[in-house]
């Protein structure tokens, strides 16, 4: 289990068998991370951990095994190149080497290969429906659907196939318009649980 603690300024692992947690960034005072914390973590296919700090930097912790079989983590920092990205609450894999970042001022795509960030499909009128919302959760299903949970604007279902968007709110059956967490199950039919 990986987690970030509010007041401890580090990323930790927890082993339920030993009931012990330990910092992955052992000496956070040597890193710019010492004054920041992460609100969300995401694990990539290569077991790298990605997080965005309150200092608005995207980091990657990449596992590297040494000769003794011990795992250490190399840290990589990615810059947002002038984009004013506020607090990031959600990270989700989008396409090859791309991450979706859900922030308090909208949805962004970060391209890890190009080290470039851009607002999510700014040219799409239907994406603009949620693109400036306070985003708290993101899920991408295998049927090319993105579910976007917002703080106050409900849940959005965006189809990558035809670039259409549907908004679910209390007026259409949601219990609340603030969606802070969601899980997509039955990925073939794209059912979201909030």
N, C-alpha and C. Protein backbone atom coordinates (compact mmCIF):
# COMPACT_ATOMS: atom_id res chain seq x y z
N UNK A 1 0.85 -1.17 0.00
CA UNK A 1 0.00 0.00 0.00
C UNK A 1 0.90 1.23 0.00
N UNK A 2 0.60 2.16 -0.88
CA UNK A 2 1.31 3.44 -0.94
C UNK A 2 0.37 4.52 -0.42
N UNK A 3 0.90 5.51 0.29
CA UNK A 3 0.06 6.62 0.72
C UNK A 3 0.91 7.86 0.95
N UNK A 4 0.23 8.99 0.97
CA UNK A 4 0.84 10.26 1.30
C UNK A 4 0.15 10.78 2.55
N UNK A 5 0.95 11.24 3.50
CA UNK A 5 0.39 11.74 4.75
C UNK A 5 0.35 13.26 4.72
N UNK A 6 -0.69 13.83 5.31
CA UNK A 6 -0.91 15.28 5.27
C UNK A 6 0.26 16.05 5.86
N UNK A 7 0.66 15.75 7.07
CA UNK A 7 1.66 16.56 7.75
C UNK A 7 3.07 16.03 7.69
N UNK A 8 3.29 14.88 7.04
CA UNK A 8 4.60 14.26 7.10
C UNK A 8 5.49 14.54 5.89
N UNK A 9 4.96 15.12 4.84
CA UNK A 9 5.74 15.53 3.68
C UNK A 9 6.58 14.42 3.07
N UNK A 10 5.94 13.30 2.81
CA UNK A 10 6.64 12.21 2.15
C UNK A 10 5.63 11.24 1.56
N UNK A 11 6.13 10.33 0.73
CA UNK A 11 5.33 9.22 0.22
C UNK A 11 5.77 8.00 1.02
N UNK A 12 4.81 7.18 1.44
CA UNK A 12 5.10 6.03 2.29
C UNK A 12 4.59 4.73 1.67
N UNK A 13 5.19 3.65 2.11
CA UNK A 13 4.64 2.32 1.83
C UNK A 13 4.22 1.72 3.17
N UNK A 14 3.18 0.88 3.12
CA UNK A 14 2.71 0.20 4.32
C UNK A 14 2.62 -1.29 4.01
N UNK A 15 3.21 -2.11 4.89
CA UNK A 15 3.14 -3.56 4.75
C UNK A 15 2.20 -4.09 5.82
N UNK A 16 1.02 -4.60 5.43
CA UNK A 16 0.07 -5.09 6.43
C UNK A 16 0.57 -6.33 7.17
N UNK A 17 1.49 -7.08 6.59
CA UNK A 17 2.02 -8.27 7.27
C UNK A 17 2.92 -7.89 8.43
N UNK A 18 3.75 -6.87 8.24
CA UNK A 18 4.65 -6.43 9.30
C UNK A 18 4.05 -5.30 10.13
N UNK A 19 2.95 -4.73 9.64
CA UNK A 19 2.28 -3.59 10.29
C UNK A 19 3.23 -2.41 10.44
N UNK A 20 4.04 -2.20 9.40
CA UNK A 20 5.00 -1.10 9.43
C UNK A 20 4.86 -0.25 8.18
N UNK A 21 5.05 1.04 8.37
CA UNK A 21 5.12 1.95 7.23
C UNK A 21 6.51 2.57 7.22
N UNK A 22 6.96 2.90 6.02
CA UNK A 22 8.26 3.55 5.92
C UNK A 22 8.23 4.55 4.78
N UNK A 23 8.97 5.65 4.95
CA UNK A 23 8.99 6.65 3.88
C UNK A 23 9.79 6.15 2.69
N UNK A 24 9.28 6.44 1.50
CA UNK A 24 10.02 6.11 0.28
C UNK A 24 11.04 7.21 0.03
N UNK A 25 10.66 8.45 0.34
CA UNK A 25 11.61 9.55 0.29
C UNK A 25 12.11 9.70 1.72
N UNK A 26 13.23 9.05 2.00
CA UNK A 26 13.71 8.94 3.38
C UNK A 26 14.07 10.30 3.96
N UNK A 27 14.84 11.10 3.23
CA UNK A 27 15.23 12.41 3.70
C UNK A 27 14.56 13.46 2.84
N UNK A 28 13.33 13.81 3.17
CA UNK A 28 12.58 14.74 2.34
C UNK A 28 13.14 16.16 2.43
N UNK A 29 14.02 16.43 3.40
CA UNK A 29 14.58 17.78 3.52
C UNK A 29 15.52 18.09 2.35
N UNK A 30 16.01 17.07 1.65
CA UNK A 30 16.90 17.29 0.52
C UNK A 30 16.14 17.47 -0.78
N UNK A 31 14.84 17.42 -0.73
CA UNK A 31 14.02 17.51 -1.93
C UNK A 31 13.07 18.69 -1.80
N UNK A 32 12.63 19.22 -2.94
CA UNK A 32 11.64 20.29 -2.90
C UNK A 32 10.31 19.78 -2.34
N UNK A 33 10.21 18.47 -2.19
CA UNK A 33 8.99 17.87 -1.64
C UNK A 33 8.78 18.22 -0.17
N UNK A 34 9.83 18.67 0.51
CA UNK A 34 9.74 18.88 1.96
C UNK A 34 8.68 19.89 2.35
N UNK A 35 8.32 20.81 1.48
CA UNK A 35 7.31 21.81 1.80
C UNK A 35 5.96 21.50 1.17
N UNK A 36 5.79 20.31 0.62
CA UNK A 36 4.59 19.99 -0.14
C UNK A 36 4.05 18.62 0.26
N UNK A 37 2.89 18.30 -0.25
CA UNK A 37 2.30 16.99 -0.03
C UNK A 37 1.49 16.61 -1.26
N UNK A 38 1.21 15.33 -1.37
CA UNK A 38 0.46 14.84 -2.52
C UNK A 38 -0.96 14.48 -2.10
N UNK A 39 -1.94 14.85 -2.91
CA UNK A 39 -3.33 14.51 -2.63
C UNK A 39 -3.77 13.26 -3.37
N UNK A 40 -2.98 12.81 -4.33
CA UNK A 40 -3.33 11.61 -5.08
C UNK A 40 -2.07 10.92 -5.56
N UNK A 41 -2.15 9.60 -5.70
CA UNK A 41 -1.06 8.79 -6.21
C UNK A 41 -1.60 7.92 -7.33
N UNK A 42 -0.73 7.54 -8.26
CA UNK A 42 -1.15 6.64 -9.33
C UNK A 42 0.02 5.72 -9.65
N UNK A 43 -0.27 4.44 -9.87
CA UNK A 43 0.75 3.45 -10.18
C UNK A 43 0.71 3.12 -11.66
N UNK A 44 1.84 3.32 -12.36
CA UNK A 44 1.93 3.03 -13.78
C UNK A 44 2.16 1.56 -14.06
N UNK A 45 2.11 1.18 -15.32
CA UNK A 45 2.30 -0.21 -15.71
C UNK A 45 3.70 -0.73 -15.36
N UNK A 46 4.68 0.17 -15.30
CA UNK A 46 6.04 -0.23 -14.95
C UNK A 46 6.28 -0.16 -13.44
N UNK A 47 5.20 -0.04 -12.66
CA UNK A 47 5.23 0.07 -11.20
C UNK A 47 5.81 1.39 -10.71
N UNK A 48 5.94 2.36 -11.59
CA UNK A 48 6.32 3.70 -11.15
C UNK A 48 5.13 4.33 -10.43
N UNK A 49 5.43 5.12 -9.43
CA UNK A 49 4.40 5.85 -8.71
C UNK A 49 4.47 7.30 -9.18
N UNK A 50 3.32 7.84 -9.58
CA UNK A 50 3.23 9.24 -10.01
C UNK A 50 2.41 10.00 -8.98
N UNK A 51 2.82 11.23 -8.70
CA UNK A 51 2.06 12.09 -7.80
C UNK A 51 2.34 13.54 -8.15
N UNK A 52 1.40 14.40 -7.79
CA UNK A 52 1.55 15.84 -7.98
C UNK A 52 1.53 16.47 -6.60
N UNK A 53 2.52 17.29 -6.32
CA UNK A 53 2.59 17.91 -5.00
C UNK A 53 1.76 19.19 -4.96
N UNK A 54 1.53 19.66 -3.75
CA UNK A 54 0.84 20.94 -3.60
C UNK A 54 1.70 22.05 -4.17
N UNK A 55 2.98 21.80 -4.38
CA UNK A 55 3.86 22.75 -5.03
C UNK A 55 3.73 22.71 -6.54
N UNK A 56 2.75 21.94 -7.01
CA UNK A 56 2.36 21.89 -8.42
C UNK A 56 3.45 21.33 -9.33
N UNK A 57 4.09 20.26 -8.89
CA UNK A 57 5.07 19.55 -9.70
C UNK A 57 4.62 18.09 -9.82
N UNK A 58 4.78 17.52 -11.00
CA UNK A 58 4.50 16.10 -11.22
C UNK A 58 5.80 15.34 -10.99
N UNK A 59 5.73 14.30 -10.15
CA UNK A 59 6.88 13.47 -9.84
C UNK A 59 6.61 12.03 -10.25
N UNK A 60 7.69 11.33 -10.55
CA UNK A 60 7.64 9.90 -10.82
C UNK A 60 8.67 9.24 -9.92
N UNK A 61 8.25 8.21 -9.19
CA UNK A 61 9.17 7.38 -8.42
C UNK A 61 9.28 6.07 -9.18
N UNK A 62 10.45 5.81 -9.74
CA UNK A 62 10.66 4.64 -10.58
C UNK A 62 11.45 3.58 -9.81
N UNK A 63 10.91 2.35 -9.72
CA UNK A 63 11.62 1.30 -8.97
C UNK A 63 12.85 0.81 -9.74
N UNK A 64 13.96 0.68 -9.00
CA UNK A 64 15.20 0.16 -9.56
C UNK A 64 15.74 -0.88 -8.58
N UNK A 65 15.96 -2.10 -9.07
CA UNK A 65 16.51 -3.16 -8.22
C UNK A 65 18.02 -3.12 -8.25
N UNK A 66 18.65 -3.23 -7.05
CA UNK A 66 20.11 -3.25 -7.02
C UNK A 66 20.61 -4.70 -7.10
N UNK A 67 21.92 -4.89 -6.99
CA UNK A 67 22.52 -6.22 -7.13
C UNK A 67 22.08 -7.19 -6.04
N UNK A 68 21.66 -6.67 -4.89
CA UNK A 68 21.23 -7.51 -3.77
C UNK A 68 19.74 -7.82 -3.79
N UNK A 69 19.05 -7.36 -4.81
CA UNK A 69 17.61 -7.61 -4.91
C UNK A 69 16.77 -6.61 -4.14
N UNK A 70 17.39 -5.58 -3.60
CA UNK A 70 16.65 -4.54 -2.90
C UNK A 70 16.13 -3.52 -3.91
N UNK A 71 14.98 -2.96 -3.62
CA UNK A 71 14.38 -1.97 -4.51
C UNK A 71 14.57 -0.58 -3.93
N UNK A 72 15.09 0.32 -4.74
CA UNK A 72 15.14 1.73 -4.39
C UNK A 72 14.36 2.48 -5.46
N UNK A 73 14.11 3.74 -5.24
CA UNK A 73 13.30 4.52 -6.17
C UNK A 73 14.03 5.75 -6.64
N UNK A 74 14.13 5.88 -7.95
CA UNK A 74 14.68 7.10 -8.54
C UNK A 74 13.54 8.09 -8.72
N UNK A 75 13.80 9.34 -8.42
CA UNK A 75 12.77 10.37 -8.51
C UNK A 75 13.00 11.23 -9.74
N UNK A 76 11.93 11.45 -10.50
CA UNK A 76 11.98 12.31 -11.68
C UNK A 76 10.93 13.40 -11.51
N UNK A 77 11.28 14.62 -11.90
CA UNK A 77 10.37 15.75 -11.77
C UNK A 77 10.01 16.26 -13.16
N UNK A 78 8.73 16.49 -13.40
CA UNK A 78 8.25 17.02 -14.67
C UNK A 78 7.68 18.41 -14.43
N UNK A 79 7.98 19.33 -15.32
CA UNK A 79 7.55 20.71 -15.18
C UNK A 79 6.25 20.93 -15.96
N UNK A 80 5.41 21.82 -15.49
CA UNK A 80 4.15 22.13 -16.16
C UNK A 80 4.28 23.26 -17.18
N UNK A 81 5.48 23.76 -17.40
CA UNK A 81 5.78 24.73 -18.46
C UNK A 81 4.80 25.90 -18.55
N UNK A 82 4.61 26.56 -17.44
CA UNK A 82 3.81 27.78 -17.45
C UNK A 82 2.31 27.60 -17.27
N UNK A 83 1.80 26.37 -17.36
CA UNK A 83 0.36 26.16 -17.14
C UNK A 83 0.05 26.42 -15.67
N UNK A 84 -1.02 27.11 -15.42
CA UNK A 84 -1.43 27.38 -14.05
C UNK A 84 -2.34 26.26 -13.58
N UNK A 85 -1.72 25.22 -13.09
CA UNK A 85 -2.45 24.04 -12.63
C UNK A 85 -2.59 24.12 -11.12
N UNK A 86 -3.82 24.19 -10.64
CA UNK A 86 -4.03 24.24 -9.20
C UNK A 86 -3.97 22.84 -8.62
N UNK A 87 -4.46 22.65 -7.42
CA UNK A 87 -4.37 21.38 -6.72
C UNK A 87 -4.89 20.24 -7.57
N UNK A 88 -4.09 19.17 -7.69
CA UNK A 88 -4.47 17.98 -8.45
C UNK A 88 -5.05 16.95 -7.49
N UNK A 89 -6.28 16.52 -7.78
CA UNK A 89 -6.98 15.56 -6.93
C UNK A 89 -7.05 14.17 -7.56
N UNK A 90 -6.78 14.04 -8.85
CA UNK A 90 -6.93 12.74 -9.52
C UNK A 90 -5.91 12.59 -10.64
N UNK A 91 -5.35 11.38 -10.75
CA UNK A 91 -4.45 11.03 -11.84
C UNK A 91 -4.95 9.71 -12.43
N UNK A 92 -4.96 9.63 -13.75
CA UNK A 92 -5.41 8.40 -14.42
C UNK A 92 -4.64 8.26 -15.73
N UNK A 93 -4.28 7.02 -16.07
CA UNK A 93 -3.62 6.78 -17.35
C UNK A 93 -4.61 7.05 -18.47
N UNK A 94 -4.14 7.71 -19.51
CA UNK A 94 -5.01 8.05 -20.63
C UNK A 94 -4.64 7.24 -21.86
N UNK A 95 -3.55 7.53 -22.47
CA UNK A 95 -3.04 6.79 -23.62
C UNK A 95 -1.58 6.50 -23.35
N UNK A 96 -0.90 5.88 -24.30
CA UNK A 96 0.52 5.58 -24.11
C UNK A 96 1.28 6.83 -23.71
N UNK A 97 1.94 6.74 -22.56
CA UNK A 97 2.77 7.84 -22.04
C UNK A 97 2.01 9.13 -21.81
N UNK A 98 0.70 9.04 -21.58
CA UNK A 98 -0.09 10.22 -21.24
C UNK A 98 -0.87 9.97 -19.96
N UNK A 99 -0.95 11.00 -19.13
CA UNK A 99 -1.74 10.95 -17.91
C UNK A 99 -2.81 12.03 -17.96
N UNK A 100 -3.98 11.71 -17.43
CA UNK A 100 -5.00 12.73 -17.20
C UNK A 100 -4.80 13.24 -15.78
N UNK A 101 -4.81 14.55 -15.61
CA UNK A 101 -4.68 15.18 -14.30
C UNK A 101 -5.94 15.99 -14.03
N UNK A 102 -6.70 15.58 -13.03
CA UNK A 102 -7.90 16.30 -12.64
C UNK A 102 -7.57 17.28 -11.53
N UNK A 103 -7.77 18.56 -11.80
CA UNK A 103 -7.38 19.57 -10.82
C UNK A 103 -8.58 20.44 -10.44
N UNK A 104 -8.33 21.33 -9.50
CA UNK A 104 -9.40 22.23 -9.07
C UNK A 104 -9.74 23.26 -10.13
N UNK A 105 -8.96 23.34 -11.19
CA UNK A 105 -9.31 24.25 -12.28
C UNK A 105 -9.39 23.55 -13.64
N UNK A 106 -9.74 22.25 -13.63
CA UNK A 106 -10.02 21.56 -14.88
C UNK A 106 -9.22 20.30 -15.12
N UNK A 107 -9.39 19.75 -16.32
CA UNK A 107 -8.78 18.49 -16.70
C UNK A 107 -7.65 18.76 -17.70
N UNK A 108 -6.51 18.12 -17.47
CA UNK A 108 -5.33 18.31 -18.30
C UNK A 108 -4.79 16.96 -18.77
N UNK A 109 -4.05 17.00 -19.88
CA UNK A 109 -3.32 15.83 -20.37
C UNK A 109 -1.84 16.15 -20.22
N UNK A 110 -1.11 15.25 -19.54
CA UNK A 110 0.34 15.39 -19.46
C UNK A 110 0.97 14.30 -20.31
N UNK A 111 1.74 14.69 -21.30
CA UNK A 111 2.44 13.75 -22.17
C UNK A 111 3.84 13.54 -21.60
N UNK A 112 4.10 12.34 -21.07
CA UNK A 112 5.37 12.05 -20.43
C UNK A 112 6.52 12.01 -21.43
N UNK A 113 6.25 11.60 -22.66
CA UNK A 113 7.31 11.54 -23.68
C UNK A 113 7.76 12.93 -24.10
N UNK A 114 6.78 13.80 -24.35
CA UNK A 114 7.09 15.15 -24.82
C UNK A 114 7.31 16.14 -23.69
N UNK A 115 6.99 15.69 -22.45
CA UNK A 115 7.06 16.56 -21.28
C UNK A 115 6.26 17.84 -21.51
N UNK A 116 5.01 17.63 -21.94
CA UNK A 116 4.14 18.73 -22.32
C UNK A 116 2.78 18.57 -21.64
N UNK A 117 2.21 19.66 -21.21
CA UNK A 117 0.88 19.62 -20.60
C UNK A 117 -0.06 20.51 -21.40
N UNK A 118 -1.31 20.06 -21.54
CA UNK A 118 -2.32 20.86 -22.24
C UNK A 118 -3.68 20.57 -21.61
N UNK A 119 -4.57 21.52 -21.77
CA UNK A 119 -5.93 21.32 -21.29
C UNK A 119 -6.58 20.24 -22.13
N UNK A 120 -7.42 19.43 -21.51
CA UNK A 120 -8.06 18.30 -22.18
C UNK A 120 -8.97 18.78 -23.30
N UNK A 121 -8.69 18.39 -24.52
CA UNK A 121 -9.50 18.63 -25.70
C UNK A 121 -10.22 19.99 -25.67
N UNK A 122 -9.43 21.02 -25.57
CA UNK A 122 -9.97 22.38 -25.49
C UNK A 122 -10.87 22.72 -26.68
N UNK A 123 -10.57 22.11 -27.84
CA UNK A 123 -11.34 22.43 -29.05
C UNK A 123 -12.70 21.74 -29.09
N UNK A 124 -12.95 20.78 -28.21
CA UNK A 124 -14.21 20.04 -28.22
C UNK A 124 -15.26 20.76 -27.37
N UNK A 125 -16.36 21.21 -27.99
CA UNK A 125 -17.39 21.92 -27.22
C UNK A 125 -17.95 21.08 -26.08
N UNK A 126 -18.11 19.77 -26.27
CA UNK A 126 -18.68 18.96 -25.20
C UNK A 126 -17.69 18.78 -24.05
N UNK A 127 -16.38 18.77 -24.33
CA UNK A 127 -15.40 18.66 -23.25
C UNK A 127 -15.36 19.94 -22.42
N UNK A 128 -15.71 21.05 -23.03
CA UNK A 128 -15.73 22.31 -22.30
C UNK A 128 -16.79 22.32 -21.19
N UNK A 129 -17.77 21.42 -21.28
CA UNK A 129 -18.80 21.34 -20.24
C UNK A 129 -18.20 21.07 -18.86
N UNK A 130 -17.14 20.26 -18.81
CA UNK A 130 -16.52 19.93 -17.52
C UNK A 130 -15.09 20.43 -17.40
N UNK A 131 -14.54 20.95 -18.47
CA UNK A 131 -13.12 21.23 -18.52
C UNK A 131 -12.66 22.34 -17.59
N UNK A 132 -13.53 23.15 -17.10
CA UNK A 132 -13.15 24.20 -16.16
C UNK A 132 -13.70 23.91 -14.75
N UNK A 133 -14.19 22.70 -14.55
CA UNK A 133 -14.76 22.32 -13.26
C UNK A 133 -13.67 21.96 -12.25
N UNK A 134 -14.04 21.92 -11.00
CA UNK A 134 -13.20 21.44 -9.91
C UNK A 134 -13.30 19.92 -9.93
N UNK A 135 -12.31 19.25 -10.51
CA UNK A 135 -12.38 17.81 -10.77
C UNK A 135 -11.77 17.03 -9.61
N UNK A 136 -12.51 16.04 -9.12
CA UNK A 136 -12.07 15.24 -7.98
C UNK A 136 -11.82 13.78 -8.31
N UNK A 137 -12.37 13.27 -9.40
CA UNK A 137 -12.13 11.87 -9.77
C UNK A 137 -12.16 11.71 -11.28
N UNK A 138 -11.37 10.75 -11.78
CA UNK A 138 -11.32 10.43 -13.20
C UNK A 138 -11.24 8.92 -13.35
N UNK A 139 -11.99 8.38 -14.29
CA UNK A 139 -11.89 6.97 -14.64
C UNK A 139 -11.99 6.84 -16.15
N UNK A 140 -11.15 5.98 -16.71
CA UNK A 140 -11.20 5.71 -18.14
C UNK A 140 -11.57 4.25 -18.32
N UNK A 141 -12.65 3.99 -19.04
CA UNK A 141 -13.08 2.61 -19.26
C UNK A 141 -12.62 2.13 -20.63
N UNK A 142 -12.64 0.81 -20.81
CA UNK A 142 -12.12 0.23 -22.05
C UNK A 142 -13.00 0.54 -23.26
N UNK A 143 -14.20 1.05 -23.04
CA UNK A 143 -15.06 1.42 -24.18
C UNK A 143 -14.85 2.88 -24.60
N UNK A 144 -13.68 3.42 -24.25
CA UNK A 144 -13.29 4.78 -24.63
C UNK A 144 -14.21 5.84 -24.01
N UNK A 145 -14.57 5.60 -22.77
CA UNK A 145 -15.38 6.55 -22.01
C UNK A 145 -14.57 7.08 -20.84
N UNK A 146 -14.64 8.38 -20.63
CA UNK A 146 -14.01 9.00 -19.47
C UNK A 146 -15.11 9.48 -18.55
N UNK A 147 -15.05 9.05 -17.29
CA UNK A 147 -15.98 9.50 -16.26
C UNK A 147 -15.24 10.55 -15.44
N UNK A 148 -15.85 11.72 -15.28
CA UNK A 148 -15.23 12.84 -14.56
C UNK A 148 -16.14 13.25 -13.42
N UNK A 149 -15.67 13.07 -12.19
CA UNK A 149 -16.41 13.50 -11.01
C UNK A 149 -15.97 14.89 -10.59
N UNK A 150 -16.93 15.75 -10.30
CA UNK A 150 -16.60 17.15 -9.97
C UNK A 150 -17.10 17.52 -8.59
N UNK A 151 -16.58 18.62 -8.10
CA UNK A 151 -17.02 19.19 -6.83
C UNK A 151 -18.11 20.22 -7.12
N UNK A 152 -19.36 19.76 -7.16
CA UNK A 152 -20.49 20.67 -7.33
C UNK A 152 -21.20 20.61 -8.66
N UNK A 153 -20.57 20.03 -9.68
CA UNK A 153 -21.20 19.96 -11.00
C UNK A 153 -21.59 18.55 -11.41
N UNK A 154 -21.58 17.61 -10.48
CA UNK A 154 -22.02 16.26 -10.77
C UNK A 154 -20.96 15.41 -11.46
N UNK A 155 -21.45 14.43 -12.20
CA UNK A 155 -20.62 13.44 -12.89
C UNK A 155 -20.80 13.61 -14.39
N UNK A 156 -19.69 13.59 -15.13
CA UNK A 156 -19.73 13.71 -16.58
C UNK A 156 -19.26 12.41 -17.21
N UNK A 157 -19.94 12.00 -18.27
CA UNK A 157 -19.55 10.83 -19.05
C UNK A 157 -19.19 11.33 -20.44
N UNK A 158 -17.88 11.27 -20.77
CA UNK A 158 -17.38 11.79 -22.04
C UNK A 158 -16.95 10.63 -22.92
N UNK A 159 -17.51 10.55 -24.14
CA UNK A 159 -17.16 9.50 -25.08
C UNK A 159 -16.03 9.98 -25.99
N UNK A 160 -14.93 9.24 -25.97
CA UNK A 160 -13.81 9.57 -26.86
C UNK A 160 -14.12 9.19 -28.30
N UNK A 161 -15.04 8.25 -28.48
CA UNK A 161 -15.39 7.80 -29.84
C UNK A 161 -16.08 8.90 -30.63
N UNK A 162 -17.12 9.48 -30.04
CA UNK A 162 -17.90 10.47 -30.80
C UNK A 162 -17.85 11.87 -30.19
N UNK A 163 -17.00 12.07 -29.17
CA UNK A 163 -16.79 13.38 -28.54
C UNK A 163 -18.07 13.99 -27.98
N UNK A 164 -18.92 13.12 -27.43
CA UNK A 164 -20.15 13.60 -26.79
C UNK A 164 -20.00 13.52 -25.28
N UNK A 165 -20.81 14.31 -24.60
CA UNK A 165 -20.71 14.39 -23.15
C UNK A 165 -22.12 14.39 -22.54
N UNK A 166 -22.29 13.64 -21.47
CA UNK A 166 -23.55 13.64 -20.73
C UNK A 166 -23.23 13.99 -19.29
N UNK A 167 -24.04 14.87 -18.71
CA UNK A 167 -23.86 15.32 -17.33
C UNK A 167 -24.95 14.72 -16.45
N UNK A 168 -24.54 14.07 -15.36
CA UNK A 168 -25.47 13.50 -14.39
C UNK A 168 -25.41 14.37 -13.13
N UNK A 169 -26.56 14.81 -12.67
CA UNK A 169 -26.65 15.66 -11.49
C UNK A 169 -27.80 15.17 -10.61
N UNK A 170 -28.09 15.93 -9.56
CA UNK A 170 -29.23 15.58 -8.70
C UNK A 170 -30.54 15.65 -9.49
N UNK A 171 -30.56 16.47 -10.53
CA UNK A 171 -31.76 16.56 -11.37
C UNK A 171 -31.98 15.32 -12.22
N UNK A 172 -30.90 14.54 -12.45
CA UNK A 172 -31.03 13.32 -13.25
C UNK A 172 -30.81 12.05 -12.43
N UNK A 173 -30.87 12.18 -11.09
CA UNK A 173 -30.85 10.99 -10.25
C UNK A 173 -29.68 10.81 -9.31
N UNK A 174 -28.64 11.65 -9.40
CA UNK A 174 -27.55 11.53 -8.43
C UNK A 174 -28.03 12.00 -7.06
N UNK A 175 -27.45 11.44 -6.02
CA UNK A 175 -27.79 11.83 -4.66
C UNK A 175 -27.17 13.19 -4.32
N UNK A 176 -25.99 13.47 -4.90
CA UNK A 176 -25.25 14.69 -4.59
C UNK A 176 -24.49 15.13 -5.84
N UNK A 177 -24.23 16.40 -5.99
CA UNK A 177 -23.49 16.91 -7.14
C UNK A 177 -21.99 16.98 -6.91
N UNK A 178 -21.52 16.60 -5.73
CA UNK A 178 -20.08 16.56 -5.46
C UNK A 178 -19.63 15.11 -5.45
N UNK A 179 -18.83 14.75 -6.45
CA UNK A 179 -18.35 13.37 -6.63
C UNK A 179 -16.85 13.37 -6.36
N UNK A 180 -16.46 12.86 -5.19
CA UNK A 180 -15.06 12.90 -4.79
C UNK A 180 -14.31 11.61 -5.12
N UNK A 181 -15.01 10.53 -5.36
CA UNK A 181 -14.36 9.26 -5.70
C UNK A 181 -15.31 8.45 -6.56
N UNK A 182 -14.74 7.69 -7.48
CA UNK A 182 -15.55 6.83 -8.33
C UNK A 182 -14.72 5.66 -8.80
N UNK A 183 -15.38 4.58 -9.12
CA UNK A 183 -14.76 3.37 -9.64
C UNK A 183 -15.60 2.91 -10.82
N UNK A 184 -14.94 2.53 -11.89
CA UNK A 184 -15.66 1.97 -13.03
C UNK A 184 -15.57 0.47 -12.95
N UNK A 185 -16.73 -0.20 -12.95
CA UNK A 185 -16.77 -1.66 -12.99
C UNK A 185 -17.49 -2.07 -14.27
N UNK A 186 -17.38 -3.32 -14.60
CA UNK A 186 -18.01 -3.76 -15.84
C UNK A 186 -17.52 -2.89 -16.98
N UNK A 187 -16.20 -2.84 -17.13
CA UNK A 187 -15.58 -1.87 -18.05
C UNK A 187 -16.14 -1.95 -19.47
N UNK A 188 -16.69 -3.09 -19.86
CA UNK A 188 -17.26 -3.18 -21.20
C UNK A 188 -18.51 -2.34 -21.34
N UNK A 189 -19.27 -2.20 -20.25
CA UNK A 189 -20.49 -1.38 -20.33
C UNK A 189 -20.28 0.00 -19.70
N UNK A 190 -19.15 0.18 -19.04
CA UNK A 190 -18.84 1.50 -18.51
C UNK A 190 -19.76 1.96 -17.40
N UNK A 191 -19.96 1.12 -16.40
CA UNK A 191 -20.79 1.49 -15.25
C UNK A 191 -19.91 2.14 -14.19
N UNK A 192 -20.31 3.30 -13.71
CA UNK A 192 -19.53 4.00 -12.68
C UNK A 192 -20.23 3.90 -11.34
N UNK A 193 -19.46 3.69 -10.28
CA UNK A 193 -19.96 3.70 -8.90
C UNK A 193 -19.36 4.91 -8.22
N UNK A 194 -20.23 5.73 -7.64
CA UNK A 194 -19.76 6.96 -7.00
C UNK A 194 -20.18 7.00 -5.55
